[in-house]
Amino acid sequence: MVEGLNGRYSCALCGWVNRWDQSPAPLPSKEDDPDYDKPQPRPKL
């Protein structure tokens, strides 16, 4: 079964995916990802 989102498709059975640039929609940024953790500043030593 091939499923997709925003013109990007993948097959859960065989692992096939189309290339990221084959979709007309722009890729989301890392900040748009709800699981993205913003980097914390390094402590000064």
PDB file of N, CA and C in Angstrom:
ATOM      1  N   MET A   1       0.842  -1.171   0.000  1.00  0.00           N
ATOM      2  CA  MET A   1       0.000   0.000   0.000  1.00  0.00           C
ATOM      3  C   MET A   1       0.893   1.242   0.000  1.00  0.00           C
ATOM      4  N   VAL A   2       0.654   2.133  -0.912  1.00  0.00           N
ATOM      5  CA  VAL A   2       1.417   3.364  -1.002  1.00  0.00           C
ATOM      6  C   VAL A   2       0.595   4.479  -0.364  1.00  0.00           C
ATOM      7  N   GLU A   3       1.199   5.176   0.576  1.00  0.00           N
ATOM      8  CA  GLU A   3       0.523   6.280   1.250  1.00  0.00           C
ATOM      9  C   GLU A   3       1.356   7.533   1.090  1.00  0.00           C
ATOM     10  N   GLY A   4       0.712   8.686   1.179  1.00  0.00           N
ATOM     11  CA  GLY A   4       1.476   9.902   0.991  1.00  0.00           C
ATOM     12  C   GLY A   4       0.901  11.097   1.718  1.00  0.00           C
ATOM     13  N   LEU A   5       1.723  12.126   1.760  1.00  0.00           N
ATOM     14  CA  LEU A   5       1.350  13.395   2.374  1.00  0.00           C
ATOM     15  C   LEU A   5       2.062  14.500   1.606  1.00  0.00           C
ATOM     16  N   ASN A   6       1.312  15.484   1.142  1.00  0.00           N
ATOM     17  CA  ASN A   6       1.879  16.617   0.400  1.00  0.00           C
ATOM     18  C   ASN A   6       2.677  16.180  -0.824  1.00  0.00           C
ATOM     19  N   GLY A   7       2.240  15.142  -1.509  1.00  0.00           N
ATOM     20  CA  GLY A   7       2.927  14.707  -2.716  1.00  0.00           C
ATOM     21  C   GLY A   7       4.156  13.862  -2.465  1.00  0.00           C
ATOM     22  N   ARG A   8       4.412  13.498  -1.219  1.00  0.00           N
ATOM     23  CA  ARG A   8       5.532  12.620  -0.887  1.00  0.00           C
ATOM     24  C   ARG A   8       4.942  11.273  -0.509  1.00  0.00           C
ATOM     25  N   TYR A   9       5.420  10.231  -1.142  1.00  0.00           N
ATOM     26  CA  TYR A   9       4.823   8.918  -0.966  1.00  0.00           C
ATOM     27  C   TYR A   9       5.836   7.898  -0.490  1.00  0.00           C
ATOM     28  N   SER A  10       5.330   6.859   0.176  1.00  0.00           N
ATOM     29  CA  SER A  10       6.193   5.764   0.611  1.00  0.00           C
ATOM     30  C   SER A  10       5.363   4.492   0.688  1.00  0.00           C
ATOM     31  N   CYS A  11       6.044   3.362   0.607  1.00  0.00           N
ATOM     32  CA  CYS A  11       5.407   2.052   0.710  1.00  0.00           C
ATOM     33  C   CYS A  11       5.897   1.377   1.981  1.00  0.00           C
ATOM     34  N   ALA A  12       4.974   1.045   2.867  1.00  0.00           N
ATOM     35  CA  ALA A  12       5.332   0.413   4.138  1.00  0.00           C
ATOM     36  C   ALA A  12       5.800  -1.025   3.942  1.00  0.00           C
ATOM     37  N   LEU A  13       5.433  -1.651   2.834  1.00  0.00           N
ATOM     38  CA  LEU A  13       5.796  -3.050   2.615  1.00  0.00           C
ATOM     39  C   LEU A  13       7.215  -3.213   2.077  1.00  0.00           C
ATOM     40  N   CYS A  14       7.575  -2.414   1.072  1.00  0.00           N
ATOM     41  CA  CYS A  14       8.885  -2.606   0.442  1.00  0.00           C
ATOM     42  C   CYS A  14       9.892  -1.515   0.797  1.00  0.00           C
ATOM     43  N   GLY A  15       9.456  -0.417   1.414  1.00  0.00           N
ATOM     44  CA  GLY A  15      10.363   0.643   1.808  1.00  0.00           C
ATOM     45  C   GLY A  15      10.612   1.685   0.736  1.00  0.00           C
ATOM     46  N   TRP A  16       9.917   1.592  -0.410  1.00  0.00           N
ATOM     47  CA  TRP A  16      10.102   2.561  -1.483  1.00  0.00           C
ATOM     48  C   TRP A  16       9.611   3.931  -1.033  1.00  0.00           C
ATOM     49  N   VAL A  17      10.351   4.974  -1.392  1.00  0.00           N
ATOM     50  CA  VAL A  17       9.918   6.356  -1.177  1.00  0.00           C
ATOM     51  C   VAL A  17      10.275   7.158  -2.413  1.00  0.00           C
ATOM     52  N   ASN A  18       9.451   8.171  -2.723  1.00  0.00           N
ATOM     53  CA  ASN A  18       9.845   9.045  -3.826  1.00  0.00           C
ATOM     54  C   ASN A  18      10.765  10.124  -3.281  1.00  0.00           C
ATOM     55  N   ARG A  19      11.509  10.750  -4.185  1.00  0.00           N
ATOM     56  CA  ARG A  19      12.496  11.755  -3.773  1.00  0.00           C
ATOM     57  C   ARG A  19      11.796  12.971  -3.187  1.00  0.00           C
ATOM     58  N   TRP A  20      12.473  13.650  -2.270  1.00  0.00           N
ATOM     59  CA  TRP A  20      11.902  14.803  -1.583  1.00  0.00           C
ATOM     60  C   TRP A  20      11.552  15.926  -2.538  1.00  0.00           C
ATOM     61  N   ASP A  21      12.280  16.041  -3.668  1.00  0.00           N
ATOM     62  CA  ASP A  21      12.039  17.146  -4.587  1.00  0.00           C
ATOM     63  C   ASP A  21      10.963  16.849  -5.628  1.00  0.00           C
ATOM     64  N   GLN A  22      10.299  15.701  -5.539  1.00  0.00           N
ATOM     65  CA  GLN A  22       9.245  15.365  -6.492  1.00  0.00           C
ATOM     66  C   GLN A  22       7.877  15.875  -6.037  1.00  0.00           C
ATOM     67  N   SER A  23       7.823  16.584  -4.946  1.00  0.00           N
ATOM     68  CA  SER A  23       6.573  17.133  -4.447  1.00  0.00           C
ATOM     69  C   SER A  23       6.506  18.622  -4.741  1.00  0.00           C
ATOM     70  N   PRO A  24       5.314  19.125  -5.053  1.00  0.00           N
ATOM     71  CA  PRO A  24       5.189  20.568  -5.279  1.00  0.00           C
ATOM     72  C   PRO A  24       5.180  21.365  -3.978  1.00  0.00           C
ATOM     73  N   ALA A  25       4.949  20.706  -2.854  1.00  0.00           N
ATOM     74  CA  ALA A  25       4.883  21.399  -1.570  1.00  0.00           C
ATOM     75  C   ALA A  25       6.284  21.561  -0.972  1.00  0.00           C
ATOM     76  N   PRO A  26       6.549  22.685  -0.310  1.00  0.00           N
ATOM     77  CA  PRO A  26       7.871  22.854   0.320  1.00  0.00           C
ATOM     78  C   PRO A  26       8.018  21.929   1.521  1.00  0.00           C
ATOM     79  N   LEU A  27       9.249  21.555   1.805  1.00  0.00           N
ATOM     80  CA  LEU A  27       9.504  20.734   2.981  1.00  0.00           C
ATOM     81  C   LEU A  27       9.307  21.567   4.241  1.00  0.00           C
ATOM     82  N   PRO A  28       8.762  20.969   5.288  1.00  0.00           N
ATOM     83  CA  PRO A  28       8.631  21.721   6.543  1.00  0.00           C
ATOM     84  C   PRO A  28      10.007  21.930   7.177  1.00  0.00           C
ATOM     85  N   SER A  29      10.123  22.975   7.956  1.00  0.00           N
ATOM     86  CA  SER A  29      11.391  23.228   8.643  1.00  0.00           C
ATOM     87  C   SER A  29      11.461  22.389   9.907  1.00  0.00           C
ATOM     88  N   LYS A  30      12.641  22.309  10.500  1.00  0.00           N
ATOM     89  CA  LYS A  30      12.761  21.525  11.722  1.00  0.00           C
ATOM     90  C   LYS A  30      11.959  22.157  12.856  1.00  0.00           C
ATOM     91  N   GLU A  31      11.770  23.472  12.822  1.00  0.00           N
ATOM     92  CA  GLU A  31      10.968  24.130  13.839  1.00  0.00           C
ATOM     93  C   GLU A  31       9.486  23.777  13.720  1.00  0.00           C
ATOM     94  N   ASP A  32       9.048  23.358  12.529  1.00  0.00           N
ATOM     95  CA  ASP A  32       7.659  22.946  12.326  1.00  0.00           C
ATOM     96  C   ASP A  32       7.383  21.563  12.895  1.00  0.00           C
ATOM     97  N   ASP A  33       8.425  20.801  13.181  1.00  0.00           N
ATOM     98  CA  ASP A  33       8.277  19.452  13.730  1.00  0.00           C
ATOM     99  C   ASP A  33       7.939  19.554  15.222  1.00  0.00           C
ATOM    100  N   PRO A  34       6.808  18.976  15.651  1.00  0.00           N
ATOM    101  CA  PRO A  34       6.447  19.078  17.068  1.00  0.00           C
ATOM    102  C   PRO A  34       7.428  18.359  17.988  1.00  0.00           C
ATOM    103  N   ASP A  35       8.223  17.438  17.461  1.00  0.00           N
ATOM    104  CA  ASP A  35       9.192  16.713  18.287  1.00  0.00           C
ATOM    105  C   ASP A  35      10.566  17.389  18.317  1.00  0.00           C
ATOM    106  N   TYR A  36      10.700  18.514  17.632  1.00  0.00           N
ATOM    107  CA  TYR A  36      11.992  19.200  17.565  1.00  0.00           C
ATOM    108  C   TYR A  36      12.292  19.852  18.915  1.00  0.00           C
ATOM    109  N   ASP A  37      13.448  19.542  19.445  1.00  0.00           N
ATOM    110  CA  ASP A  37      13.917  20.181  20.674  1.00  0.00           C
ATOM    111  C   ASP A  37      14.931  21.246  20.293  1.00  0.00           C
ATOM    112  N   LYS A  38      14.655  22.465  20.687  1.00  0.00           N
ATOM    113  CA  LYS A  38      15.580  23.544  20.382  1.00  0.00           C
ATOM    114  C   LYS A  38      16.887  23.297  21.123  1.00  0.00           C
ATOM    115  N   PRO A  39      18.012  23.542  20.461  1.00  0.00           N
ATOM    116  CA  PRO A  39      19.297  23.310  21.133  1.00  0.00           C
ATOM    117  C   PRO A  39      19.443  24.212  22.357  1.00  0.00           C
ATOM    118  N   GLN A  40      19.974  23.642  23.389  1.00  0.00           N
ATOM    119  CA  GLN A  40      20.222  24.398  24.620  1.00  0.00           C
ATOM    120  C   GLN A  40      21.609  25.015  24.543  1.00  0.00           C
ATOM    121  N   PRO A  41      21.786  26.219  25.091  1.00  0.00           N
ATOM    122  CA  PRO A  41      23.128  26.810  25.083  1.00  0.00           C
ATOM    123  C   PRO A  41      24.087  25.979  25.934  1.00  0.00           C
ATOM    124  N   ARG A  42      25.322  25.899  25.466  1.00  0.00           N
ATOM    125  CA  ARG A  42      26.321  25.140  26.212  1.00  0.00           C
ATOM    126  C   ARG A  42      26.733  25.918  27.462  1.00  0.00           C
ATOM    127  N   PRO A  43      26.916  25.235  28.566  1.00  0.00           N
ATOM    128  CA  PRO A  43      27.392  25.954  29.761  1.00  0.00           C
ATOM    129  C   PRO A  43      28.847  26.365  29.570  1.00  0.00           C
ATOM    130  N   LYS A  44      29.180  27.518  30.095  1.00  0.00           N
ATOM    131  CA  LYS A  44      30.553  28.004  29.997  1.00  0.00           C
ATOM    132  C   LYS A  44      31.401  27.305  31.053  1.00  0.00           C
ATOM    133  N   LEU A  45      32.579  26.913  30.642  1.00  0.00           N
ATOM    134  CA  LEU A  45      33.477  26.215  31.569  1.00  0.00           C
ATOM    135  C   LEU A  45      34.448  27.153  32.222  1.00  0.00           C
TER     136      LEU A  45
END
